Amino acid sequence: MTARITVVATAGTVSPGRPAARHSGKCLDALNAATADGVKLVQWTCTGGTNQQWQRKNV
């Protein structure tokens, strides 16, 4: 099963964090530390890398 989400990184974001799945304990990760639009997101062992640091924006 594939889910589609949109992640927006802009100035004025709030609540920095490292989302992790409850069932696996793995973190939301930008595959291969990619930064381009449309990058695939995966669950990966938490490393604390910048590709696992996210911010939530109130819209």
C-alpha atoms as a PDB file:
ATOM      1  CA  MET A   1       0.000   0.000   0.000  1.00  0.00           C
ATOM      2  CA  THR A   2       1.330   3.436  -0.916  1.00  0.00           C
ATOM      3  CA  ALA A   3       0.240   6.679   0.694  1.00  0.00           C
ATOM      4  CA  ARG A   4       0.720  10.054  -0.880  1.00  0.00           C
ATOM      5  CA  ILE A   5       1.500  13.066   1.294  1.00  0.00           C
ATOM      6  CA  THR A   6       2.827  16.523   0.678  1.00  0.00           C
ATOM      7  CA  VAL A   7       5.603  17.902   2.870  1.00  0.00           C
ATOM      8  CA  VAL A   8       6.117  21.649   2.748  1.00  0.00           C
ATOM      9  CA  ALA A   9       9.339  23.216   4.003  1.00  0.00           C
ATOM     10  CA  THR A  10       9.064  26.984   4.300  1.00  0.00           C
ATOM     11  CA  ALA A  11       9.957  29.809   6.654  1.00  0.00           C
ATOM     12  CA  GLY A  12       7.577  30.272   9.553  1.00  0.00           C
ATOM     13  CA  THR A  13       7.190  26.609  10.367  1.00  0.00           C
ATOM     14  CA  VAL A  14       6.567  25.372  13.882  1.00  0.00           C
ATOM     15  CA  SER A  15       7.133  22.249  15.959  1.00  0.00           C
ATOM     16  CA  PRO A  16      10.374  20.763  14.635  1.00  0.00           C
ATOM     17  CA  GLY A  17      10.525  17.047  15.209  1.00  0.00           C
ATOM     18  CA  ARG A  18      11.388  13.569  14.123  1.00  0.00           C
ATOM     19  CA  PRO A  19       8.219  11.615  13.302  1.00  0.00           C
ATOM     20  CA  ALA A  20       8.463   7.905  14.052  1.00  0.00           C
ATOM     21  CA  ALA A  21       6.081   5.029  13.390  1.00  0.00           C
ATOM     22  CA  ARG A  22       4.589   3.564  16.555  1.00  0.00           C
ATOM     23  CA  HIS A  23       4.656  -0.025  15.293  1.00  0.00           C
ATOM     24  CA  SER A  24       8.263  -0.070  14.061  1.00  0.00           C
ATOM     25  CA  GLY A  25       9.962   2.794  15.902  1.00  0.00           C
ATOM     26  CA  LYS A  26      11.489   3.834  12.569  1.00  0.00           C
ATOM     27  CA  CYS A  27      11.658   7.460  11.454  1.00  0.00           C
ATOM     28  CA  LEU A  28      10.215   9.251   8.440  1.00  0.00           C
ATOM     29  CA  ASP A  29      13.192   9.594   6.109  1.00  0.00           C
ATOM     30  CA  ALA A  30      13.817  11.299   2.756  1.00  0.00           C
ATOM     31  CA  LEU A  31      15.241   8.452   0.666  1.00  0.00           C
ATOM     32  CA  ASN A  32      18.990   8.834   0.012  1.00  0.00           C
ATOM     33  CA  ALA A  33      18.873  12.225   1.818  1.00  0.00           C
ATOM     34  CA  ALA A  34      17.376  13.715  -1.363  1.00  0.00           C
ATOM     35  CA  THR A  35      16.046  17.278  -1.253  1.00  0.00           C
ATOM     36  CA  ALA A  36      14.296  17.548  -4.632  1.00  0.00           C
ATOM     37  CA  ASP A  37      10.545  17.958  -5.032  1.00  0.00           C
ATOM     38  CA  GLY A  38       8.787  14.608  -5.212  1.00  0.00           C
ATOM     39  CA  VAL A  39      11.407  12.717  -3.196  1.00  0.00           C
ATOM     40  CA  LYS A  40      10.284   9.326  -1.895  1.00  0.00           C
ATOM     41  CA  LEU A  41       9.747   9.094   1.848  1.00  0.00           C
ATOM     42  CA  VAL A  42      10.442   5.844   3.664  1.00  0.00           C
ATOM     43  CA  GLN A  43      10.625   4.445   7.186  1.00  0.00           C
ATOM     44  CA  TRP A  44      14.249   4.052   8.225  1.00  0.00           C
ATOM     45  CA  THR A  45      16.251   3.422  11.366  1.00  0.00           C
ATOM     46  CA  CYS A  46      16.441   6.715  13.277  1.00  0.00           C
ATOM     47  CA  THR A  47      19.841   8.322  12.770  1.00  0.00           C
ATOM     48  CA  GLY A  48      19.140  11.961  13.623  1.00  0.00           C
ATOM     49  CA  GLY A  49      20.265  13.044  10.153  1.00  0.00           C
ATOM     50  CA  THR A  50      18.837  16.155   8.526  1.00  0.00           C
ATOM     51  CA  ASN A  51      16.846  13.949   6.155  1.00  0.00           C
ATOM     52  CA  GLN A  52      14.859  12.817   9.225  1.00  0.00           C
ATOM     53  CA  GLN A  53      14.167  16.255  10.691  1.00  0.00           C
ATOM     54  CA  TRP A  54      10.771  17.698   9.851  1.00  0.00           C
ATOM     55  CA  GLN A  55       8.699  20.743  10.646  1.00  0.00           C
ATOM     56  CA  ARG A  56       4.936  21.047  10.732  1.00  0.00           C
ATOM     57  CA  LYS A  57       3.388  24.167   9.248  1.00  0.00           C
ATOM     58  CA  ASN A  58       0.001  25.427  10.344  1.00  0.00           C
ATOM     59  CA  VAL A  59      -2.003  26.311   7.244  1.00  0.00           C
END
